[in-house]
Amino acid sequence: MNGLGDLYQEMILEHYKSPRNFGVLESADHVAHGDNPLCGDKIAVTVKMKGDRIEDIKFKGSGCAISTASASLMTEAVKGKTKGEAESLYEKFHPMVMGTGSAEGVGKLEVFSGVHEFPIRVKCATLAWHTLRAALEGNKEPVSTE
């Protein structure tokens, strides 16, 4: 693996071992649950909005390194952003992990740019994002990657 690939792997492992914003946000006004049955990933995303801005966000669950790291980095990336800004970031992130878009404008989320080389892991990387979107839309149905 090249130096950049090694750095990306280290960042993913760091966020897996010590996820940021892990837990349940008791004051949440938006909640959604997600499941990736193929890999066994399960997640709950709790969000506190202040107007149209994500004031605080946490996630809780269990999953593989890609899923957990993606949720951790996602919460860091969207905290303080408006709903529209979070959606815009998803619109850049999703094509990148699918291998149909660039990593331009995604910041640290670029560490997932190689996920498309492992198609089974794309659902792991996107589960938290689909769950966040469901929470922000007020969708009470659990999100599934199947």
N, C-alpha and C. Protein backbone atom coordinates (compact mmCIF):
# COMPACT_ATOMS: atom_id res chain seq x y z
N MET A 1 0.85 -1.18 0.00
CA MET A 1 0.00 0.00 0.00
C MET A 1 0.89 1.23 0.00
N ASN A 2 0.47 2.26 -0.71
CA ASN A 2 1.28 3.49 -0.77
C ASN A 2 1.12 4.29 0.52
N GLY A 3 1.91 5.33 0.68
CA GLY A 3 1.88 6.14 1.90
C GLY A 3 0.53 6.74 2.19
N LEU A 4 -0.14 7.25 1.15
CA LEU A 4 -1.46 7.85 1.34
C LEU A 4 -2.47 6.79 1.77
N GLY A 5 -2.42 5.63 1.14
CA GLY A 5 -3.30 4.52 1.51
C GLY A 5 -3.09 4.09 2.95
N ASP A 6 -1.83 4.06 3.38
CA ASP A 6 -1.51 3.71 4.76
C ASP A 6 -2.09 4.75 5.72
N LEU A 7 -1.96 6.02 5.36
CA LEU A 7 -2.50 7.10 6.18
C LEU A 7 -4.02 6.97 6.30
N TYR A 8 -4.68 6.70 5.18
CA TYR A 8 -6.13 6.53 5.20
C TYR A 8 -6.53 5.36 6.09
N GLN A 9 -5.80 4.25 5.97
CA GLN A 9 -6.10 3.08 6.78
C GLN A 9 -5.93 3.40 8.27
N GLU A 10 -4.87 4.13 8.60
CA GLU A 10 -4.64 4.52 9.99
C GLU A 10 -5.77 5.39 10.52
N MET A 11 -6.25 6.34 9.71
CA MET A 11 -7.33 7.22 10.15
C MET A 11 -8.61 6.41 10.37
N ILE A 12 -8.91 5.49 9.48
CA ILE A 12 -10.11 4.66 9.63
C ILE A 12 -10.00 3.83 10.91
N LEU A 13 -8.86 3.22 11.14
CA LEU A 13 -8.68 2.42 12.36
C LEU A 13 -8.76 3.28 13.62
N GLU A 14 -8.23 4.49 13.57
CA GLU A 14 -8.30 5.40 14.72
C GLU A 14 -9.76 5.74 15.05
N HIS A 15 -10.55 6.04 14.03
CA HIS A 15 -11.96 6.38 14.26
C HIS A 15 -12.79 5.15 14.64
N TYR A 16 -12.33 3.98 14.26
CA TYR A 16 -13.00 2.74 14.67
C TYR A 16 -12.73 2.46 16.14
N LYS A 17 -11.48 2.60 16.55
CA LYS A 17 -11.09 2.30 17.92
C LYS A 17 -11.56 3.37 18.91
N SER A 18 -11.57 4.63 18.46
CA SER A 18 -11.97 5.75 19.32
C SER A 18 -12.94 6.64 18.55
N PRO A 19 -14.16 6.15 18.35
CA PRO A 19 -15.12 6.94 17.56
C PRO A 19 -15.48 8.26 18.24
N ARG A 20 -15.60 9.29 17.42
CA ARG A 20 -16.00 10.61 17.92
C ARG A 20 -17.52 10.65 17.96
N ASN A 21 -18.05 11.41 18.90
CA ASN A 21 -19.50 11.63 19.03
C ASN A 21 -20.26 10.33 19.20
N PHE A 22 -19.66 9.37 19.92
CA PHE A 22 -20.30 8.08 20.15
C PHE A 22 -21.18 8.18 21.39
N GLY A 23 -22.38 7.70 21.28
CA GLY A 23 -23.31 7.70 22.40
C GLY A 23 -24.69 8.13 21.94
N VAL A 24 -25.55 8.37 22.90
CA VAL A 24 -26.92 8.78 22.62
C VAL A 24 -27.09 10.21 23.08
N LEU A 25 -27.63 11.04 22.23
CA LEU A 25 -27.88 12.44 22.55
C LEU A 25 -29.27 12.52 23.19
N GLU A 26 -29.29 12.69 24.50
CA GLU A 26 -30.56 12.67 25.25
C GLU A 26 -31.51 13.80 24.82
N SER A 27 -30.96 14.93 24.38
CA SER A 27 -31.78 16.07 23.99
C SER A 27 -32.15 16.05 22.50
N ALA A 28 -31.95 14.92 21.85
CA ALA A 28 -32.18 14.82 20.39
C ALA A 28 -33.64 15.09 20.04
N ASP A 29 -33.82 15.78 18.92
CA ASP A 29 -35.16 15.97 18.39
C ASP A 29 -35.35 15.23 17.06
N HIS A 30 -34.30 14.57 16.59
CA HIS A 30 -34.34 13.75 15.39
C HIS A 30 -33.58 12.45 15.66
N VAL A 31 -34.22 11.33 15.38
CA VAL A 31 -33.62 10.03 15.65
C VAL A 31 -33.94 9.09 14.49
N ALA A 32 -32.98 8.26 14.12
CA ALA A 32 -33.22 7.21 13.13
C ALA A 32 -32.32 6.02 13.43
N HIS A 33 -32.76 4.86 12.98
CA HIS A 33 -32.02 3.62 13.16
C HIS A 33 -31.71 3.03 11.81
N GLY A 34 -30.53 2.43 11.69
CA GLY A 34 -30.11 1.82 10.44
C GLY A 34 -29.52 0.44 10.66
N ASP A 35 -29.61 -0.37 9.61
CA ASP A 35 -29.15 -1.76 9.69
C ASP A 35 -28.56 -2.18 8.35
N ASN A 36 -27.41 -2.81 8.41
CA ASN A 36 -26.79 -3.41 7.23
C ASN A 36 -26.72 -4.91 7.51
N PRO A 37 -27.77 -5.66 7.14
CA PRO A 37 -27.84 -7.08 7.49
C PRO A 37 -26.68 -7.90 6.90
N LEU A 38 -26.17 -7.51 5.76
CA LEU A 38 -25.09 -8.26 5.12
C LEU A 38 -23.83 -8.29 5.97
N CYS A 39 -23.52 -7.16 6.60
CA CYS A 39 -22.29 -7.06 7.40
C CYS A 39 -22.58 -7.15 8.90
N GLY A 40 -23.82 -6.90 9.29
CA GLY A 40 -24.18 -6.92 10.70
C GLY A 40 -24.08 -5.57 11.38
N ASP A 41 -23.86 -4.51 10.60
CA ASP A 41 -23.78 -3.16 11.17
C ASP A 41 -25.17 -2.71 11.62
N LYS A 42 -25.22 -2.11 12.81
CA LYS A 42 -26.44 -1.51 13.33
C LYS A 42 -26.07 -0.15 13.91
N ILE A 43 -26.92 0.84 13.65
CA ILE A 43 -26.60 2.19 14.10
C ILE A 43 -27.87 2.94 14.47
N ALA A 44 -27.73 3.83 15.43
CA ALA A 44 -28.76 4.82 15.75
C ALA A 44 -28.08 6.18 15.68
N VAL A 45 -28.72 7.12 15.01
CA VAL A 45 -28.20 8.48 14.90
C VAL A 45 -29.18 9.39 15.61
N THR A 46 -28.66 10.20 16.53
CA THR A 46 -29.48 11.15 17.26
C THR A 46 -28.95 12.56 16.96
N VAL A 47 -29.88 13.46 16.66
CA VAL A 47 -29.52 14.81 16.22
C VAL A 47 -30.32 15.84 16.99
N LYS A 48 -29.66 16.91 17.39
CA LYS A 48 -30.31 18.07 17.99
C LYS A 48 -30.15 19.22 17.01
N MET A 49 -31.28 19.72 16.53
CA MET A 49 -31.27 20.83 15.59
C MET A 49 -31.49 22.15 16.33
N LYS A 50 -30.91 23.20 15.80
CA LYS A 50 -31.20 24.56 16.26
C LYS A 50 -31.56 25.32 15.00
N GLY A 51 -32.85 25.45 14.78
CA GLY A 51 -33.33 25.99 13.52
C GLY A 51 -33.04 24.98 12.43
N ASP A 52 -32.28 25.39 11.42
CA ASP A 52 -31.94 24.51 10.31
C ASP A 52 -30.52 23.95 10.45
N ARG A 53 -29.90 24.19 11.61
CA ARG A 53 -28.50 23.81 11.81
C ARG A 53 -28.40 22.61 12.75
N ILE A 54 -27.47 21.70 12.44
CA ILE A 54 -27.21 20.54 13.29
C ILE A 54 -26.37 21.03 14.46
N GLU A 55 -27.03 21.24 15.57
CA GLU A 55 -26.35 21.76 16.76
C GLU A 55 -25.47 20.68 17.39
N ASP A 56 -25.99 19.46 17.46
CA ASP A 56 -25.23 18.36 18.03
C ASP A 56 -25.68 17.06 17.37
N ILE A 57 -24.81 16.07 17.38
CA ILE A 57 -25.11 14.78 16.75
C ILE A 57 -24.27 13.71 17.42
N LYS A 58 -24.89 12.55 17.60
CA LYS A 58 -24.18 11.39 18.15
C LYS A 58 -24.68 10.15 17.41
N PHE A 59 -23.88 9.11 17.51
CA PHE A 59 -24.32 7.83 16.97
C PHE A 59 -23.96 6.74 17.96
N LYS A 60 -24.71 5.68 17.91
CA LYS A 60 -24.44 4.53 18.75
C LYS A 60 -24.77 3.29 17.95
N GLY A 61 -24.03 2.25 18.18
CA GLY A 61 -24.29 1.00 17.50
C GLY A 61 -23.05 0.15 17.46
N SER A 62 -23.15 -0.86 16.64
CA SER A 62 -22.00 -1.75 16.47
C SER A 62 -21.84 -2.03 14.99
N GLY A 63 -20.60 -2.23 14.60
CA GLY A 63 -20.37 -2.50 13.20
C GLY A 63 -18.90 -2.69 12.90
N CYS A 64 -18.64 -2.90 11.65
CA CYS A 64 -17.27 -3.10 11.19
C CYS A 64 -16.50 -1.77 11.26
N ALA A 65 -15.21 -1.86 11.00
CA ALA A 65 -14.35 -0.67 11.07
C ALA A 65 -14.80 0.41 10.11
N ILE A 66 -15.17 0.04 8.89
CA ILE A 66 -15.59 1.03 7.89
C ILE A 66 -16.86 1.73 8.34
N SER A 67 -17.84 0.97 8.81
CA SER A 67 -19.11 1.54 9.25
C SER A 67 -18.93 2.49 10.43
N THR A 68 -18.20 2.06 11.43
CA THR A 68 -17.99 2.87 12.62
C THR A 68 -17.18 4.12 12.31
N ALA A 69 -16.11 3.96 11.55
CA ALA A 69 -15.28 5.12 11.18
C ALA A 69 -16.08 6.11 10.33
N SER A 70 -16.91 5.60 9.43
CA SER A 70 -17.72 6.48 8.59
C SER A 70 -18.69 7.28 9.45
N ALA A 71 -19.33 6.64 10.42
CA ALA A 71 -20.25 7.35 11.31
C ALA A 71 -19.51 8.40 12.14
N SER A 72 -18.34 8.04 12.63
CA SER A 72 -17.55 8.96 13.43
C SER A 72 -17.14 10.20 12.62
N LEU A 73 -16.60 9.96 11.45
CA LEU A 73 -16.17 11.08 10.59
C LEU A 73 -17.37 11.88 10.09
N MET A 74 -18.48 11.22 9.83
CA MET A 74 -19.69 11.92 9.39
C MET A 74 -20.15 12.90 10.47
N THR A 75 -20.20 12.44 11.73
CA THR A 75 -20.68 13.33 12.79
C THR A 75 -19.78 14.55 12.93
N GLU A 76 -18.47 14.35 12.79
CA GLU A 76 -17.55 15.49 12.84
C GLU A 76 -17.80 16.44 11.67
N ALA A 77 -18.05 15.87 10.51
CA ALA A 77 -18.20 16.68 9.30
C ALA A 77 -19.49 17.50 9.28
N VAL A 78 -20.57 16.97 9.86
CA VAL A 78 -21.86 17.67 9.74
C VAL A 78 -22.22 18.51 10.96
N LYS A 79 -21.56 18.30 12.08
CA LYS A 79 -21.89 19.09 13.28
C LYS A 79 -21.66 20.56 12.98
N GLY A 80 -22.68 21.37 13.24
CA GLY A 80 -22.60 22.80 13.00
C GLY A 80 -23.06 23.21 11.60
N LYS A 81 -23.28 22.24 10.75
CA LYS A 81 -23.72 22.52 9.37
C LYS A 81 -25.24 22.61 9.31
N THR A 82 -25.74 23.28 8.29
CA THR A 82 -27.18 23.31 8.07
C THR A 82 -27.60 21.97 7.46
N LYS A 83 -28.88 21.74 7.48
CA LYS A 83 -29.43 20.52 6.86
C LYS A 83 -29.03 20.47 5.38
N GLY A 84 -29.11 21.59 4.70
CA GLY A 84 -28.74 21.67 3.29
C GLY A 84 -27.26 21.40 3.06
N GLU A 85 -26.41 21.92 3.94
CA GLU A 85 -24.97 21.66 3.82
C GLU A 85 -24.65 20.19 4.05
N ALA A 86 -25.34 19.56 5.01
CA ALA A 86 -25.14 18.13 5.27
C ALA A 86 -25.58 17.31 4.06
N GLU A 87 -26.69 17.69 3.46
CA GLU A 87 -27.18 17.01 2.26
C GLU A 87 -26.20 17.17 1.11
N SER A 88 -25.66 18.36 0.96
CA SER A 88 -24.69 18.63 -0.09
C SER A 88 -23.43 17.77 0.10
N LEU A 89 -23.01 17.61 1.34
CA LEU A 89 -21.85 16.77 1.63
C LEU A 89 -22.15 15.31 1.28
N TYR A 90 -23.35 14.85 1.62
CA TYR A 90 -23.76 13.49 1.24
C TYR A 90 -23.73 13.33 -0.28
N GLU A 91 -24.19 14.34 -1.01
CA GLU A 91 -24.23 14.28 -2.47
C GLU A 91 -22.83 14.21 -3.09
N LYS A 92 -21.82 14.59 -2.34
CA LYS A 92 -20.43 14.45 -2.80
C LYS A 92 -19.84 13.12 -2.32
N PHE A 93 -20.16 12.76 -1.07
CA PHE A 93 -19.62 11.56 -0.46
C PHE A 93 -20.10 10.29 -1.16
N HIS A 94 -21.39 10.19 -1.39
CA HIS A 94 -21.97 8.96 -1.95
C HIS A 94 -21.36 8.60 -3.31
N PRO A 95 -21.32 9.50 -4.28
CA PRO A 95 -20.68 9.14 -5.55
C PRO A 95 -19.20 8.78 -5.38
N MET A 96 -18.52 9.43 -4.45
CA MET A 96 -17.12 9.12 -4.24
C MET A 96 -16.94 7.67 -3.80
N VAL A 97 -17.73 7.22 -2.81
CA VAL A 97 -17.57 5.84 -2.35
C VAL A 97 -18.10 4.83 -3.36
N MET A 98 -18.97 5.27 -4.26
CA MET A 98 -19.46 4.39 -5.32
C MET A 98 -18.46 4.30 -6.47
N GLY A 99 -17.48 5.20 -6.48
CA GLY A 99 -16.48 5.22 -7.54
C GLY A 99 -16.91 6.00 -8.76
N THR A 100 -17.97 6.82 -8.61
CA THR A 100 -18.48 7.60 -9.73
C THR A 100 -18.26 9.10 -9.55
N GLY A 101 -17.61 9.49 -8.46
CA GLY A 101 -17.38 10.90 -8.20
C GLY A 101 -16.00 11.12 -7.63
N SER A 102 -15.65 12.38 -7.50
CA SER A 102 -14.32 12.72 -6.99
C SER A 102 -14.39 12.96 -5.48
N ALA A 103 -13.22 13.13 -4.89
CA ALA A 103 -13.13 13.41 -3.46
C ALA A 103 -13.09 14.91 -3.19
N GLU A 104 -13.28 15.70 -4.23
CA GLU A 104 -13.23 17.16 -4.08
C GLU A 104 -14.34 17.64 -3.15
N GLY A 105 -13.94 18.41 -2.16
CA GLY A 105 -14.92 19.04 -1.27
C GLY A 105 -15.42 18.18 -0.14
N VAL A 106 -14.81 17.01 0.10
CA VAL A 106 -15.30 16.15 1.17
C VAL A 106 -14.40 16.16 2.41
N GLY A 107 -13.29 16.86 2.34
CA GLY A 107 -12.39 16.96 3.48
C GLY A 107 -11.86 15.60 3.92
N LYS A 108 -11.87 15.37 5.23
CA LYS A 108 -11.34 14.12 5.79
C LYS A 108 -12.07 12.88 5.28
N LEU A 109 -13.29 13.06 4.81
CA LEU A 109 -14.06 11.92 4.31
C LEU A 109 -13.39 11.26 3.10
N GLU A 110 -12.39 11.93 2.56
CA GLU A 110 -11.65 11.39 1.43
C GLU A 110 -11.03 10.03 1.77
N VAL A 111 -10.85 9.74 3.06
CA VAL A 111 -10.26 8.45 3.44
C VAL A 111 -11.09 7.27 2.93
N PHE A 112 -12.34 7.52 2.56
CA PHE A 112 -13.21 6.45 2.05
C PHE A 112 -13.23 6.38 0.52
N SER A 113 -12.36 7.14 -0.13
CA SER A 113 -12.37 7.18 -1.59
C SER A 113 -12.03 5.84 -2.24
N GLY A 114 -11.35 4.98 -1.54
CA GLY A 114 -10.99 3.68 -2.10
C GLY A 114 -12.01 2.58 -1.82
N VAL A 115 -13.07 2.90 -1.09
CA VAL A 115 -14.06 1.89 -0.71
C VAL A 115 -14.71 1.25 -1.94
N HIS A 116 -14.86 2.01 -3.02
CA HIS A 116 -15.51 1.47 -4.21
C HIS A 116 -14.78 0.25 -4.77
N GLU A 117 -13.53 0.09 -4.42
CA GLU A 117 -12.76 -1.08 -4.86
C GLU A 117 -13.22 -2.35 -4.15
N PHE A 118 -13.99 -2.19 -3.10
CA PHE A 118 -14.54 -3.31 -2.31
C PHE A 118 -16.06 -3.12 -2.23
N PRO A 119 -16.77 -3.47 -3.30
CA PRO A 119 -18.21 -3.17 -3.39
C PRO A 119 -19.04 -3.58 -2.17
N ILE A 120 -18.68 -4.66 -1.52
CA ILE A 120 -19.45 -5.09 -0.35
C ILE A 120 -19.32 -4.10 0.81
N ARG A 121 -18.27 -3.28 0.80
CA ARG A 121 -18.03 -2.31 1.87
C ARG A 121 -18.69 -0.95 1.62
N VAL A 122 -19.20 -0.73 0.42
CA VAL A 122 -19.87 0.54 0.13
C VAL A 122 -21.07 0.74 1.06
N LYS A 123 -21.83 -0.32 1.30
CA LYS A 123 -22.99 -0.22 2.20
C LYS A 123 -22.55 0.09 3.62
N CYS A 124 -21.40 -0.43 4.01
CA CYS A 124 -20.86 -0.14 5.34
C CYS A 124 -20.54 1.36 5.48
N ALA A 125 -19.93 1.90 4.44
CA ALA A 125 -19.52 3.31 4.46
C ALA A 125 -20.70 4.27 4.39
N THR A 126 -21.79 3.85 3.77
CA THR A 126 -22.92 4.76 3.56
C THR A 126 -24.06 4.59 4.58
N LEU A 127 -24.04 3.56 5.40
CA LEU A 127 -25.14 3.31 6.34
C LEU A 127 -25.41 4.52 7.24
N ALA A 128 -24.38 5.07 7.85
CA ALA A 128 -24.58 6.22 8.76
C ALA A 128 -25.20 7.39 8.02
N TRP A 129 -24.77 7.60 6.78
CA TRP A 129 -25.29 8.72 5.99
C TRP A 129 -26.76 8.53 5.65
N HIS A 130 -27.15 7.32 5.28
CA HIS A 130 -28.57 7.05 5.00
C HIS A 130 -29.39 7.23 6.27
N THR A 131 -28.83 6.82 7.39
CA THR A 131 -29.53 6.94 8.67
C THR A 131 -29.66 8.41 9.07
N LEU A 132 -28.61 9.19 8.87
CA LEU A 132 -28.69 10.63 9.15
C LEU A 132 -29.77 11.28 8.29
N ARG A 133 -29.81 10.96 7.02
CA ARG A 133 -30.83 11.54 6.13
C ARG A 133 -32.23 11.19 6.62
N ALA A 134 -32.42 9.95 7.05
CA ALA A 134 -33.73 9.54 7.56
C ALA A 134 -34.08 10.33 8.82
N ALA A 135 -33.11 10.53 9.69
CA ALA A 135 -33.36 11.30 10.91
C ALA A 135 -33.77 12.73 10.58
N LEU A 136 -33.03 13.36 9.67
CA LEU A 136 -33.33 14.75 9.32
C LEU A 136 -34.67 14.90 8.60
N GLU A 137 -35.08 13.85 7.90
CA GLU A 137 -36.37 13.88 7.20
C GLU A 137 -37.52 13.46 8.11
N GLY A 138 -37.22 13.02 9.33
CA GLY A 138 -38.25 12.57 10.26
C GLY A 138 -38.82 11.21 9.91
N ASN A 139 -38.07 10.43 9.15
CA ASN A 139 -38.51 9.10 8.75
C ASN A 139 -38.36 8.15 9.94
N LYS A 140 -39.46 7.58 10.39
CA LYS A 140 -39.46 6.71 11.57
C LYS A 140 -39.17 5.25 11.21
N GLU A 141 -39.23 4.91 9.92
CA GLU A 141 -38.94 3.55 9.51
C GLU A 141 -37.44 3.28 9.59
N PRO A 142 -37.04 2.11 10.10
CA PRO A 142 -35.61 1.80 10.13
C PRO A 142 -35.03 1.78 8.71
N VAL A 143 -33.81 2.27 8.57
CA VAL A 143 -33.10 2.28 7.31
C VAL A 143 -32.40 0.93 7.15
N SER A 144 -32.48 0.37 5.96
CA SER A 144 -31.76 -0.87 5.68
C SER A 144 -30.99 -0.71 4.38
N THR A 145 -29.82 -1.30 4.34
CA THR A 145 -29.03 -1.25 3.11
C THR A 145 -29.43 -2.36 2.15
N GLU A 146 -30.38 -3.17 2.52
CA GLU A 146 -30.85 -4.26 1.63
C GLU A 146 -32.11 -3.87 0.92
